[in-house]
Amino acid sequence: MRALLCERHGPPEDLVLRETADPAPAAGQILIDVRAAGVNFPDGLIIRNMYQIKPELPFAPGGEAAGVVEAVGEGVTGFKPGDRVCAMTLWGSFAEKVAVDADAAVRVPDEMPFDEASGFTMVYATGIHAFVQRAALQPGETVLVLGAAGGVGIAAIEIAKAMGARVVAAASSAEKLELARSHGADALIDYSRPDFREQLRAVTDGKGPDVIYDPVGGDLAEQAFRSIAPNGRYLVVGFAAGTIPAIPLNLPLVKSASIVGVFWGAFMKADPQAHAANMEQLFDWYRAGAIRPEISRRFAFEEGAAAIRWVMDRKALGKVVVTMDPAG
């Protein structure tokens, strides 16, 4: 098989396409014939040895894949060859085949194409875990989504709306805000303007948001937290801005608000039954048309390095995927 390999830590331009031996599924694993792979911000970190997960060199990046089960390892009873699946692989998806623990895979609906399935799990599973298990989001509450035009942000908007919340989308340009509106956002905030907090007060009638979904970090975090509603929950999802904010701890006290970490990967392993229930809910919403992944760009497998660079440079609107099968 072919794989896009990281043979030394560095930028995506250092990745090389190689012929390698096909992997074999170990006990408890399935082997996936990969048709598409999602591209995510951590892919640019893991190849530079800047991520908490540090696979041994050489390795293929790519944390999520979709395709067809080719073989199953000893003890696997939930899958069979021919099943259409998506899976969280952590790394290894930028390859024509990948072996993954069966617990990290789920069947995908027949009506979901592989390109959508490949970019579905990480952003949507993170969002539903954040709102259900971490924030206990209630119908009628107001959610502020930062970085609202990225794949993580679009998923958060759709899930919050499906749960009956009012959504305020914040992004840095008119184009990004219009995309957020097209996915259900009720109100929009342009945070390239200096009056971020004034805009937020205006669209929440002075109360502030009940829940803040933050995959960005950076300088905006403290401003957003200072505007949170009493008993609000600030969801720490990621740091796409590249800097980890330091919020003064007196603010949670005086705001009667919580700072809540969202580590979906650990949750998936610790409570696979709850994760499976979350995925079933997501697929139900997908079938009903309540959520619809936004794929802004598809790269061919041979262009996988360029796909990672595209995401690293924050050019992506919605999701970016690498396709092994042009037909999806």
C-alpha atoms as a PDB file:
ATOM      1  CA  MET A   1       0.000   0.000   0.000  1.00  0.00           C
ATOM      2  CA  ARG A   2       0.956   3.671  -0.205  1.00  0.00           C
ATOM      3  CA  ALA A   3       1.259   5.901   2.838  1.00  0.00           C
ATOM      4  CA  LEU A   4       2.157   9.551   3.351  1.00  0.00           C
ATOM      5  CA  LEU A   5       4.900   9.221   5.956  1.00  0.00           C
ATOM      6  CA  CYS A   6       6.482  11.467   8.528  1.00  0.00           C
ATOM      7  CA  GLU A   7      10.047  10.146   8.606  1.00  0.00           C
ATOM      8  CA  ARG A   8      11.408  13.116  10.529  1.00  0.00           C
ATOM      9  CA  HIS A   9       9.609  15.731  12.558  1.00  0.00           C
ATOM     10  CA  GLY A  10       9.003  18.936  10.672  1.00  0.00           C
ATOM     11  CA  PRO A  11       6.576  20.823   8.424  1.00  0.00           C
ATOM     12  CA  PRO A  12       4.105  19.034   6.146  1.00  0.00           C
ATOM     13  CA  GLU A  13       6.356  19.693   3.176  1.00  0.00           C
ATOM     14  CA  ASP A  14       8.748  17.092   4.638  1.00  0.00           C
ATOM     15  CA  LEU A  15       6.184  14.286   4.360  1.00  0.00           C
ATOM     16  CA  VAL A  16       6.980  11.634   1.761  1.00  0.00           C
ATOM     17  CA  LEU A  17       4.769   9.217  -0.174  1.00  0.00           C
ATOM     18  CA  ARG A  18       6.101   5.663   0.173  1.00  0.00           C
ATOM     19  CA  GLU A  19       5.167   2.086  -0.650  1.00  0.00           C
ATOM     20  CA  THR A  20       4.873   0.197   2.632  1.00  0.00           C
ATOM     21  CA  ALA A  21       3.664  -3.192   3.793  1.00  0.00           C
ATOM     22  CA  ASP A  22      -0.059  -3.588   4.366  1.00  0.00           C
ATOM     23  CA  PRO A  23      -0.941  -3.554   8.071  1.00  0.00           C
ATOM     24  CA  ALA A  24      -2.663  -6.552   9.621  1.00  0.00           C
ATOM     25  CA  PRO A  25      -5.394  -6.180  12.231  1.00  0.00           C
ATOM     26  CA  ALA A  26      -4.328  -7.347  15.683  1.00  0.00           C
ATOM     27  CA  ALA A  27      -6.743  -8.886  18.147  1.00  0.00           C
ATOM     28  CA  GLY A  28      -9.596  -6.460  18.742  1.00  0.00           C
ATOM     29  CA  GLN A  29      -8.821  -4.443  15.608  1.00  0.00           C
ATOM     30  CA  ILE A  30     -10.305  -3.980  12.157  1.00  0.00           C
ATOM     31  CA  LEU A  31      -8.462  -3.228   8.916  1.00  0.00           C
ATOM     32  CA  ILE A  32     -10.001  -0.386   6.912  1.00  0.00           C
ATOM     33  CA  ASP A  33      -9.593   0.164   3.181  1.00  0.00           C
ATOM     34  CA  VAL A  34      -9.417   3.950   3.464  1.00  0.00           C
ATOM     35  CA  ARG A  35     -11.534   5.960   1.021  1.00  0.00           C
ATOM     36  CA  ALA A  36     -11.137   9.384   2.657  1.00  0.00           C
ATOM     37  CA  ALA A  37      -9.358  10.940   5.632  1.00  0.00           C
ATOM     38  CA  GLY A  38     -10.263  14.041   7.597  1.00  0.00           C
ATOM     39  CA  VAL A  39      -7.663  16.776   8.058  1.00  0.00           C
ATOM     40  CA  ASN A  40      -7.495  18.411  11.477  1.00  0.00           C
ATOM     41  CA  PHE A  41      -5.406  20.984  13.302  1.00  0.00           C
ATOM     42  CA  PRO A  42      -3.607  18.323  15.405  1.00  0.00           C
ATOM     43  CA  ASP A  43      -2.185  16.784  12.209  1.00  0.00           C
ATOM     44  CA  GLY A  44       0.090  19.801  11.847  1.00  0.00           C
ATOM     45  CA  LEU A  45       1.180  19.459  15.466  1.00  0.00           C
ATOM     46  CA  ILE A  46       1.850  15.727  15.535  1.00  0.00           C
ATOM     47  CA  ILE A  47       4.253  15.832  12.570  1.00  0.00           C
ATOM     48  CA  ARG A  48       6.223  18.588  14.330  1.00  0.00           C
ATOM     49  CA  ASN A  49       6.340  16.611  17.592  1.00  0.00           C
ATOM     50  CA  MET A  50       4.224  19.296  19.286  1.00  0.00           C
ATOM     51  CA  TYR A  51       1.219  17.153  20.246  1.00  0.00           C
ATOM     52  CA  GLN A  52       0.543  15.112  23.367  1.00  0.00           C
ATOM     53  CA  ILE A  53       0.397  11.972  21.220  1.00  0.00           C
ATOM     54  CA  LYS A  54       3.876  11.076  19.955  1.00  0.00           C
ATOM     55  CA  PRO A  55       3.929   8.063  17.624  1.00  0.00           C
ATOM     56  CA  GLU A  56       7.216   6.397  16.808  1.00  0.00           C
ATOM     57  CA  LEU A  57       8.834   7.415  13.514  1.00  0.00           C
ATOM     58  CA  PRO A  58       8.063   6.761  10.730  1.00  0.00           C
ATOM     59  CA  PHE A  59       4.287   7.172  10.844  1.00  0.00           C
ATOM     60  CA  ALA A  60       1.471   8.446   8.677  1.00  0.00           C
ATOM     61  CA  PRO A  61      -0.496  11.370  10.128  1.00  0.00           C
ATOM     62  CA  GLY A  62      -4.258  11.570   9.874  1.00  0.00           C
ATOM     63  CA  GLY A  63      -6.482  11.116  12.901  1.00  0.00           C
ATOM     64  CA  GLU A  64      -9.753  10.068  11.284  1.00  0.00           C
ATOM     65  CA  ALA A  65     -10.666   7.856   8.370  1.00  0.00           C
ATOM     66  CA  ALA A  66     -13.660   6.477   6.527  1.00  0.00           C
ATOM     67  CA  GLY A  67     -13.793   3.434   4.324  1.00  0.00           C
ATOM     68  CA  VAL A  68     -14.699  -0.229   4.066  1.00  0.00           C
ATOM     69  CA  VAL A  69     -13.735  -2.967   6.506  1.00  0.00           C
ATOM     70  CA  GLU A  70     -11.317  -5.313   4.726  1.00  0.00           C
ATOM     71  CA  ALA A  71     -10.554  -7.712   7.571  1.00  0.00           C
ATOM     72  CA  VAL A  72     -11.198  -8.161  11.279  1.00  0.00           C
ATOM     73  CA  GLY A  73      -8.854  -9.310  14.006  1.00  0.00           C
ATOM     74  CA  GLU A  74      -9.370 -12.021  16.574  1.00  0.00           C
ATOM     75  CA  GLY A  75     -12.249 -11.388  18.937  1.00  0.00           C
ATOM     76  CA  VAL A  76     -14.013  -8.751  16.831  1.00  0.00           C
ATOM     77  CA  THR A  77     -17.715  -9.501  16.550  1.00  0.00           C
ATOM     78  CA  GLY A  78     -19.238  -6.074  15.844  1.00  0.00           C
ATOM     79  CA  PHE A  79     -17.866  -5.662  12.316  1.00  0.00           C
ATOM     80  CA  LYS A  80     -17.435  -7.775   9.213  1.00  0.00           C
ATOM     81  CA  PRO A  81     -15.680  -7.278   5.876  1.00  0.00           C
ATOM     82  CA  GLY A  82     -17.675  -4.929   3.659  1.00  0.00           C
ATOM     83  CA  ASP A  83     -19.038  -2.730   6.455  1.00  0.00           C
ATOM     84  CA  ARG A  84     -18.901   1.017   5.789  1.00  0.00           C
ATOM     85  CA  VAL A  85     -17.233   2.689   8.784  1.00  0.00           C
ATOM     86  CA  CYS A  86     -15.567   5.799  10.087  1.00  0.00           C
ATOM     87  CA  ALA A  87     -12.935   5.653  12.794  1.00  0.00           C
ATOM     88  CA  MET A  88     -10.703   7.720  15.015  1.00  0.00           C
ATOM     89  CA  THR A  89      -7.195   6.465  14.328  1.00  0.00           C
ATOM     90  CA  LEU A  90      -5.165   9.183  16.160  1.00  0.00           C
ATOM     91  CA  TRP A  91      -2.629   8.773  13.365  1.00  0.00           C
ATOM     92  CA  GLY A  92      -2.251   6.551  10.291  1.00  0.00           C
ATOM     93  CA  SER A  93      -5.219   7.624   8.161  1.00  0.00           C
ATOM     94  CA  PHE A  94      -3.127   9.183   5.393  1.00  0.00           C
ATOM     95  CA  ALA A  95      -2.603   5.710   3.975  1.00  0.00           C
ATOM     96  CA  GLU A  96      -4.506   3.365   1.732  1.00  0.00           C
ATOM     97  CA  LYS A  97      -5.155   0.993   4.638  1.00  0.00           C
ATOM     98  CA  VAL A  98      -5.175   1.457   8.404  1.00  0.00           C
ATOM     99  CA  ALA A  99      -5.671  -0.914  11.324  1.00  0.00           C
ATOM    100  CA  VAL A 100      -7.608   0.523  14.250  1.00  0.00           C
ATOM    101  CA  ASP A 101      -9.196  -0.705  17.472  1.00  0.00           C
ATOM    102  CA  ALA A 102     -12.741  -1.783  16.777  1.00  0.00           C
ATOM    103  CA  ASP A 103     -13.964   0.320  19.715  1.00  0.00           C
ATOM    104  CA  ALA A 104     -12.789   3.450  17.864  1.00  0.00           C
ATOM    105  CA  ALA A 105     -14.934   2.729  14.795  1.00  0.00           C
ATOM    106  CA  VAL A 106     -18.631   3.057  14.053  1.00  0.00           C
ATOM    107  CA  ARG A 107     -20.770   2.113  11.095  1.00  0.00           C
ATOM    108  CA  VAL A 108     -21.903   5.039   8.991  1.00  0.00           C
ATOM    109  CA  PRO A 109     -25.292   5.413   7.322  1.00  0.00           C
ATOM    110  CA  ASP A 110     -25.460   4.193   3.735  1.00  0.00           C
ATOM    111  CA  GLU A 111     -26.581   7.656   2.651  1.00  0.00           C
ATOM    112  CA  MET A 112     -23.442   9.332   4.069  1.00  0.00           C
ATOM    113  CA  PRO A 113     -20.638   9.576   1.472  1.00  0.00           C
ATOM    114  CA  PHE A 114     -17.127   8.664   2.569  1.00  0.00           C
ATOM    115  CA  ASP A 115     -15.780  12.207   2.324  1.00  0.00           C
ATOM    116  CA  GLU A 116     -18.421  13.461   4.776  1.00  0.00           C
ATOM    117  CA  ALA A 117     -17.899  10.450   7.030  1.00  0.00           C
ATOM    118  CA  SER A 118     -14.140  11.002   7.156  1.00  0.00           C
ATOM    119  CA  GLY A 119     -14.547  14.523   8.496  1.00  0.00           C
ATOM    120  CA  PHE A 120     -17.462  13.776  10.783  1.00  0.00           C
ATOM    121  CA  THR A 121     -16.319  12.047  13.933  1.00  0.00           C
ATOM    122  CA  MET A 122     -13.784  14.391  15.482  1.00  0.00           C
ATOM    123  CA  VAL A 123     -15.712  17.640  15.142  1.00  0.00           C
ATOM    124  CA  TYR A 124     -19.241  16.345  15.728  1.00  0.00           C
ATOM    125  CA  ALA A 125     -18.354  13.877  18.492  1.00  0.00           C
ATOM    126  CA  THR A 126     -16.402  16.614  20.253  1.00  0.00           C
ATOM    127  CA  GLY A 127     -19.352  18.972  19.973  1.00  0.00           C
ATOM    128  CA  ILE A 128     -22.002  16.612  21.300  1.00  0.00           C
ATOM    129  CA  HIS A 129     -19.760  15.489  24.158  1.00  0.00           C
ATOM    130  CA  ALA A 130     -19.092  19.128  25.039  1.00  0.00           C
ATOM    131  CA  PHE A 131     -22.746  20.121  25.108  1.00  0.00           C
ATOM    132  CA  VAL A 132     -24.256  16.945  26.587  1.00  0.00           C
ATOM    133  CA  GLN A 133     -21.730  15.563  29.065  1.00  0.00           C
ATOM    134  CA  ARG A 134     -19.710  18.686  29.896  1.00  0.00           C
ATOM    135  CA  ALA A 135     -22.092  21.656  29.667  1.00  0.00           C
ATOM    136  CA  ALA A 136     -25.480  19.979  30.201  1.00  0.00           C
ATOM    137  CA  LEU A 137     -26.857  22.407  27.632  1.00  0.00           C
ATOM    138  CA  GLN A 138     -30.576  23.109  28.010  1.00  0.00           C
ATOM    139  CA  PRO A 139     -33.154  24.176  25.410  1.00  0.00           C
ATOM    140  CA  GLY A 140     -33.501  27.943  25.304  1.00  0.00           C
ATOM    141  CA  GLU A 141     -29.969  28.679  26.527  1.00  0.00           C
ATOM    142  CA  THR A 142     -27.642  30.866  24.487  1.00  0.00           C
ATOM    143  CA  VAL A 143     -24.386  29.459  23.125  1.00  0.00           C
ATOM    144  CA  LEU A 144     -21.484  31.553  21.851  1.00  0.00           C
ATOM    145  CA  VAL A 145     -19.341  29.668  19.315  1.00  0.00           C
ATOM    146  CA  LEU A 146     -15.877  31.105  18.703  1.00  0.00           C
ATOM    147  CA  GLY A 147     -14.109  30.217  15.458  1.00  0.00           C
ATOM    148  CA  ALA A 148     -17.565  29.544  14.111  1.00  0.00           C
ATOM    149  CA  ALA A 149     -16.641  28.979  10.451  1.00  0.00           C
ATOM    150  CA  GLY A 150     -14.180  26.132  10.988  1.00  0.00           C
ATOM    151  CA  GLY A 151     -15.157  22.485  10.990  1.00  0.00           C
ATOM    152  CA  VAL A 152     -15.320  22.433  14.790  1.00  0.00           C
ATOM    153  CA  GLY A 153     -17.367  25.626  14.882  1.00  0.00           C
ATOM    154  CA  ILE A 154     -19.870  24.583  12.210  1.00  0.00           C
ATOM    155  CA  ALA A 155     -20.473  21.300  14.037  1.00  0.00           C
ATOM    156  CA  ALA A 156     -20.985  23.158  17.330  1.00  0.00           C
ATOM    157  CA  ILE A 157     -23.544  25.497  15.761  1.00  0.00           C
ATOM    158  CA  GLU A 158     -25.560  22.632  14.305  1.00  0.00           C
ATOM    159  CA  ILE A 159     -25.491  20.501  17.460  1.00  0.00           C
ATOM    160  CA  ALA A 160     -26.456  23.392  19.719  1.00  0.00           C
ATOM    161  CA  LYS A 161     -29.362  24.232  17.419  1.00  0.00           C
ATOM    162  CA  ALA A 162     -30.458  20.593  17.327  1.00  0.00           C
ATOM    163  CA  MET A 163     -30.516  20.674  21.137  1.00  0.00           C
ATOM    164  CA  GLY A 164     -32.783  23.733  21.147  1.00  0.00           C
ATOM    165  CA  ALA A 165     -30.265  26.442  21.966  1.00  0.00           C
ATOM    166  CA  ARG A 166     -29.914  29.938  20.523  1.00  0.00           C
ATOM    167  CA  VAL A 167     -26.521  30.305  18.830  1.00  0.00           C
ATOM    168  CA  VAL A 168     -24.300  33.362  18.518  1.00  0.00           C
ATOM    169  CA  ALA A 169     -21.520  32.770  15.989  1.00  0.00           C
ATOM    170  CA  ALA A 170     -18.253  34.693  16.198  1.00  0.00           C
ATOM    171  CA  ALA A 171     -15.742  34.792  13.345  1.00  0.00           C
ATOM    172  CA  SER A 172     -13.297  37.176  11.717  1.00  0.00           C
ATOM    173  CA  SER A 173     -14.849  38.044   8.350  1.00  0.00           C
ATOM    174  CA  ALA A 174     -18.158  38.573   6.594  1.00  0.00           C
ATOM    175  CA  GLU A 175     -17.601  35.447   4.479  1.00  0.00           C
ATOM    176  CA  LYS A 176     -17.069  33.286   7.563  1.00  0.00           C
ATOM    177  CA  LEU A 177     -20.067  34.761   9.337  1.00  0.00           C
ATOM    178  CA  GLU A 178     -22.314  34.130   6.343  1.00  0.00           C
ATOM    179  CA  LEU A 179     -21.227  30.494   6.353  1.00  0.00           C
ATOM    180  CA  ALA A 180     -22.087  30.284  10.052  1.00  0.00           C
ATOM    181  CA  ARG A 181     -25.496  31.814   9.343  1.00  0.00           C
ATOM    182  CA  SER A 182     -26.133  29.248   6.601  1.00  0.00           C
ATOM    183  CA  HIS A 183     -25.647  26.490   9.179  1.00  0.00           C
ATOM    184  CA  GLY A 184     -28.175  27.925  11.612  1.00  0.00           C
ATOM    185  CA  ALA A 185     -26.528  30.679  13.666  1.00  0.00           C
ATOM    186  CA  ASP A 186     -29.106  33.102  15.070  1.00  0.00           C
ATOM    187  CA  ALA A 187     -26.790  36.071  15.615  1.00  0.00           C
ATOM    188  CA  LEU A 188     -23.350  37.030  14.332  1.00  0.00           C
ATOM    189  CA  ILE A 189     -20.320  38.779  15.838  1.00  0.00           C
ATOM    190  CA  ASP A 190     -17.289  39.970  13.865  1.00  0.00           C
ATOM    191  CA  TYR A 191     -14.357  39.688  16.250  1.00  0.00           C
ATOM    192  CA  SER A 192     -11.988  41.452  13.906  1.00  0.00           C
ATOM    193  CA  ARG A 193     -13.677  44.604  15.229  1.00  0.00           C
ATOM    194  CA  PRO A 194     -12.490  46.122  18.518  1.00  0.00           C
ATOM    195  CA  ASP A 195     -15.956  46.156  20.116  1.00  0.00           C
ATOM    196  CA  PHE A 196     -16.344  42.400  20.632  1.00  0.00           C
ATOM    197  CA  ARG A 197     -17.880  42.651  24.101  1.00  0.00           C
ATOM    198  CA  GLU A 198     -20.271  45.406  23.051  1.00  0.00           C
ATOM    199  CA  GLN A 199     -21.479  43.273  20.144  1.00  0.00           C
ATOM    200  CA  LEU A 200     -21.973  40.321  22.486  1.00  0.00           C
ATOM    201  CA  ARG A 201     -23.955  42.362  24.969  1.00  0.00           C
ATOM    202  CA  ALA A 202     -26.171  43.653  22.175  1.00  0.00           C
ATOM    203  CA  VAL A 203     -27.077  40.227  20.780  1.00  0.00           C
ATOM    204  CA  THR A 204     -27.706  38.709  24.247  1.00  0.00           C
ATOM    205  CA  ASP A 205     -29.759  41.611  25.639  1.00  0.00           C
ATOM    206  CA  GLY A 206     -26.995  42.358  28.105  1.00  0.00           C
ATOM    207  CA  LYS A 207     -27.076  38.946  29.776  1.00  0.00           C
ATOM    208  CA  GLY A 208     -24.185  37.254  28.013  1.00  0.00           C
ATOM    209  CA  PRO A 209     -24.039  33.657  26.762  1.00  0.00           C
ATOM    210  CA  ASP A 210     -24.875  30.715  29.001  1.00  0.00           C
ATOM    211  CA  VAL A 211     -22.309  28.512  27.281  1.00  0.00           C
ATOM    212  CA  ILE A 212     -19.138  29.496  25.406  1.00  0.00           C
ATOM    213  CA  TYR A 213     -17.614  26.984  22.995  1.00  0.00           C
ATOM    214  CA  ASP A 214     -13.966  27.883  22.435  1.00  0.00           C
ATOM    215  CA  PRO A 215     -11.736  25.891  20.058  1.00  0.00           C
ATOM    216  CA  VAL A 216      -9.557  28.981  19.434  1.00  0.00           C
ATOM    217  CA  GLY A 217      -7.959  30.212  22.664  1.00  0.00           C
ATOM    218  CA  GLY A 218      -5.713  33.253  22.263  1.00  0.00           C
ATOM    219  CA  ASP A 219      -6.485  36.818  23.244  1.00  0.00           C
ATOM    220  CA  LEU A 220     -10.241  36.546  22.795  1.00  0.00           C
ATOM    221  CA  ALA A 221     -10.760  34.022  25.585  1.00  0.00           C
ATOM    222  CA  GLU A 222     -10.636  36.409  28.530  1.00  0.00           C
ATOM    223  CA  GLN A 223     -12.892  38.937  26.803  1.00  0.00           C
ATOM    224  CA  ALA A 224     -15.442  36.208  26.136  1.00  0.00           C
ATOM    225  CA  PHE A 225     -15.305  34.897  29.695  1.00  0.00           C
ATOM    226  CA  ARG A 226     -15.787  38.389  31.122  1.00  0.00           C
ATOM    227  CA  SER A 227     -19.084  38.494  29.195  1.00  0.00           C
ATOM    228  CA  ILE A 228     -20.439  35.116  30.291  1.00  0.00           C
ATOM    229  CA  ALA A 229     -23.835  34.870  31.978  1.00  0.00           C
ATOM    230  CA  PRO A 230     -24.186  33.904  35.661  1.00  0.00           C
ATOM    231  CA  ASN A 231     -23.826  30.138  36.083  1.00  0.00           C
ATOM    232  CA  GLY A 232     -22.309  30.002  32.607  1.00  0.00           C
ATOM    233  CA  ARG A 233     -20.014  27.260  31.359  1.00  0.00           C
ATOM    234  CA  TYR A 234     -16.884  28.068  29.371  1.00  0.00           C
ATOM    235  CA  LEU A 235     -15.928  25.038  27.263  1.00  0.00           C
ATOM    236  CA  VAL A 236     -12.191  24.766  26.596  1.00  0.00           C
ATOM    237  CA  VAL A 237     -12.003  22.806  23.335  1.00  0.00           C
ATOM    238  CA  GLY A 238      -8.665  23.774  21.748  1.00  0.00           C
ATOM    239  CA  PHE A 239      -6.130  26.440  20.931  1.00  0.00           C
ATOM    240  CA  ALA A 240      -6.204  27.003  17.173  1.00  0.00           C
ATOM    241  CA  ALA A 241      -4.896  30.541  17.701  1.00  0.00           C
ATOM    242  CA  GLY A 242      -1.621  28.994  18.830  1.00  0.00           C
ATOM    243  CA  THR A 243      -1.535  30.468  22.323  1.00  0.00           C
ATOM    244  CA  ILE A 244      -3.028  29.122  25.541  1.00  0.00           C
ATOM    245  CA  PRO A 245      -4.868  31.895  27.406  1.00  0.00           C
ATOM    246  CA  ALA A 246      -4.445  32.540  31.121  1.00  0.00           C
ATOM    247  CA  ILE A 247      -7.819  33.546  32.589  1.00  0.00           C
ATOM    248  CA  PRO A 248      -7.587  35.117  36.069  1.00  0.00           C
ATOM    249  CA  LEU A 249      -9.218  32.769  38.557  1.00  0.00           C
ATOM    250  CA  ASN A 250     -11.096  35.578  40.242  1.00  0.00           C
ATOM    251  CA  LEU A 251     -13.328  35.740  37.154  1.00  0.00           C
ATOM    252  CA  PRO A 252     -15.020  32.341  37.660  1.00  0.00           C
ATOM    253  CA  LEU A 253     -15.643  33.435  41.253  1.00  0.00           C
ATOM    254  CA  VAL A 254     -17.203  36.821  40.554  1.00  0.00           C
ATOM    255  CA  LYS A 255     -19.095  35.582  37.474  1.00  0.00           C
ATOM    256  CA  SER A 256     -20.383  32.432  39.248  1.00  0.00           C
ATOM    257  CA  ALA A 257     -19.243  30.579  36.144  1.00  0.00           C
ATOM    258  CA  SER A 258     -17.294  27.417  35.355  1.00  0.00           C
ATOM    259  CA  ILE A 259     -14.301  26.691  33.134  1.00  0.00           C
ATOM    260  CA  VAL A 260     -14.870  23.198  31.753  1.00  0.00           C
ATOM    261  CA  GLY A 261     -12.321  21.118  29.851  1.00  0.00           C
ATOM    262  CA  VAL A 262     -13.477  19.094  26.846  1.00  0.00           C
ATOM    263  CA  PHE A 263     -11.152  16.132  26.148  1.00  0.00           C
ATOM    264  CA  TRP A 264     -13.259  13.997  23.858  1.00  0.00           C
ATOM    265  CA  GLY A 265     -10.529  11.457  23.110  1.00  0.00           C
ATOM    266  CA  ALA A 266     -10.235  10.509  26.781  1.00  0.00           C
ATOM    267  CA  PHE A 267     -14.034  10.399  27.138  1.00  0.00           C
ATOM    268  CA  MET A 268     -14.363   8.051  24.136  1.00  0.00           C
ATOM    269  CA  LYS A 269     -11.983   5.557  25.746  1.00  0.00           C
ATOM    270  CA  ALA A 270     -13.328   5.932  29.290  1.00  0.00           C
ATOM    271  CA  ASP A 271     -17.020   5.593  28.381  1.00  0.00           C
ATOM    272  CA  PRO A 272     -17.409   3.888  24.991  1.00  0.00           C
ATOM    273  CA  GLN A 273     -21.115   3.241  25.590  1.00  0.00           C
ATOM    274  CA  ALA A 274     -21.865   6.942  26.067  1.00  0.00           C
ATOM    275  CA  HIS A 275     -19.746   7.733  23.007  1.00  0.00           C
ATOM    276  CA  ALA A 276     -21.699   5.183  20.965  1.00  0.00           C
ATOM    277  CA  ALA A 277     -24.985   6.740  22.121  1.00  0.00           C
ATOM    278  CA  ASN A 278     -23.697  10.178  21.125  1.00  0.00           C
ATOM    279  CA  MET A 279     -22.798   8.894  17.661  1.00  0.00           C
ATOM    280  CA  GLU A 280     -26.234   7.329  17.201  1.00  0.00           C
ATOM    281  CA  GLN A 281     -27.831  10.657  18.070  1.00  0.00           C
ATOM    282  CA  LEU A 282     -25.570  12.437  15.587  1.00  0.00           C
ATOM    283  CA  PHE A 283     -26.462   9.999  12.814  1.00  0.00           C
ATOM    284  CA  ASP A 284     -30.161  10.422  13.626  1.00  0.00           C
ATOM    285  CA  TRP A 285     -29.742  14.190  13.248  1.00  0.00           C
ATOM    286  CA  TYR A 286     -27.827  13.642  10.001  1.00  0.00           C
ATOM    287  CA  ARG A 287     -30.598  11.475   8.541  1.00  0.00           C
ATOM    288  CA  ALA A 288     -33.135  14.114   9.551  1.00  0.00           C
ATOM    289  CA  GLY A 289     -31.109  16.864   7.866  1.00  0.00           C
ATOM    290  CA  ALA A 290     -30.443  18.744  11.117  1.00  0.00           C
ATOM    291  CA  ILE A 291     -26.684  18.507  10.642  1.00  0.00           C
ATOM    292  CA  ARG A 292     -24.789  18.591   7.353  1.00  0.00           C
ATOM    293  CA  PRO A 293     -20.997  18.611   7.270  1.00  0.00           C
ATOM    294  CA  GLU A 294     -19.459  21.520   5.379  1.00  0.00           C
ATOM    295  CA  ILE A 295     -16.557  20.304   3.249  1.00  0.00           C
ATOM    296  CA  SER A 296     -14.868  23.336   1.787  1.00  0.00           C
ATOM    297  CA  ARG A 297     -12.043  21.570   0.002  1.00  0.00           C
ATOM    298  CA  ARG A 298     -11.051  18.077  -1.050  1.00  0.00           C
ATOM    299  CA  PHE A 299      -7.422  17.193  -1.684  1.00  0.00           C
ATOM    300  CA  ALA A 300      -6.217  14.116  -3.555  1.00  0.00           C
ATOM    301  CA  PHE A 301      -4.205  11.618  -1.516  1.00  0.00           C
ATOM    302  CA  GLU A 302      -1.011  12.740  -3.218  1.00  0.00           C
ATOM    303  CA  GLU A 303      -1.747  16.289  -2.002  1.00  0.00           C
ATOM    304  CA  GLY A 304      -2.044  15.316   1.660  1.00  0.00           C
ATOM    305  CA  ALA A 305       0.855  17.527   2.726  1.00  0.00           C
ATOM    306  CA  ALA A 306      -0.792  20.539   1.073  1.00  0.00           C
ATOM    307  CA  ALA A 307      -4.035  19.693   2.876  1.00  0.00           C
ATOM    308  CA  ILE A 308      -2.295  19.823   6.260  1.00  0.00           C
ATOM    309  CA  ARG A 309      -0.642  23.121   5.312  1.00  0.00           C
ATOM    310  CA  TRP A 310      -4.034  24.530   4.276  1.00  0.00           C
ATOM    311  CA  VAL A 311      -5.452  23.780   7.720  1.00  0.00           C
ATOM    312  CA  MET A 312      -2.312  24.958   9.542  1.00  0.00           C
ATOM    313  CA  ASP A 313      -2.515  28.305   7.745  1.00  0.00           C
ATOM    314  CA  ARG A 314      -6.155  28.653   8.886  1.00  0.00           C
ATOM    315  CA  LYS A 315      -7.490  28.861   5.334  1.00  0.00           C
ATOM    316  CA  ALA A 316     -10.161  26.254   5.868  1.00  0.00           C
ATOM    317  CA  LEU A 317     -13.855  27.032   6.068  1.00  0.00           C
ATOM    318  CA  GLY A 318     -15.665  23.997   7.410  1.00  0.00           C
ATOM    319  CA  LYS A 319     -13.827  20.708   6.927  1.00  0.00           C
ATOM    320  CA  VAL A 320     -10.941  19.697   4.676  1.00  0.00           C
ATOM    321  CA  VAL A 321     -10.583  16.063   3.600  1.00  0.00           C
ATOM    322  CA  VAL A 322      -8.117  13.935   1.664  1.00  0.00           C
ATOM    323  CA  THR A 323      -9.774  11.509  -0.730  1.00  0.00           C
ATOM    324  CA  MET A 324      -8.299   8.208  -1.902  1.00  0.00           C
ATOM    325  CA  ASP A 325     -11.423   7.508  -3.931  1.00  0.00           C
ATOM    326  CA  PRO A 326     -12.342  10.493  -6.182  1.00  0.00           C
ATOM    327  CA  ALA A 327     -15.925   9.240  -6.343  1.00  0.00           C
ATOM    328  CA  GLY A 328     -16.242   9.599  -2.541  1.00  0.00           C
END
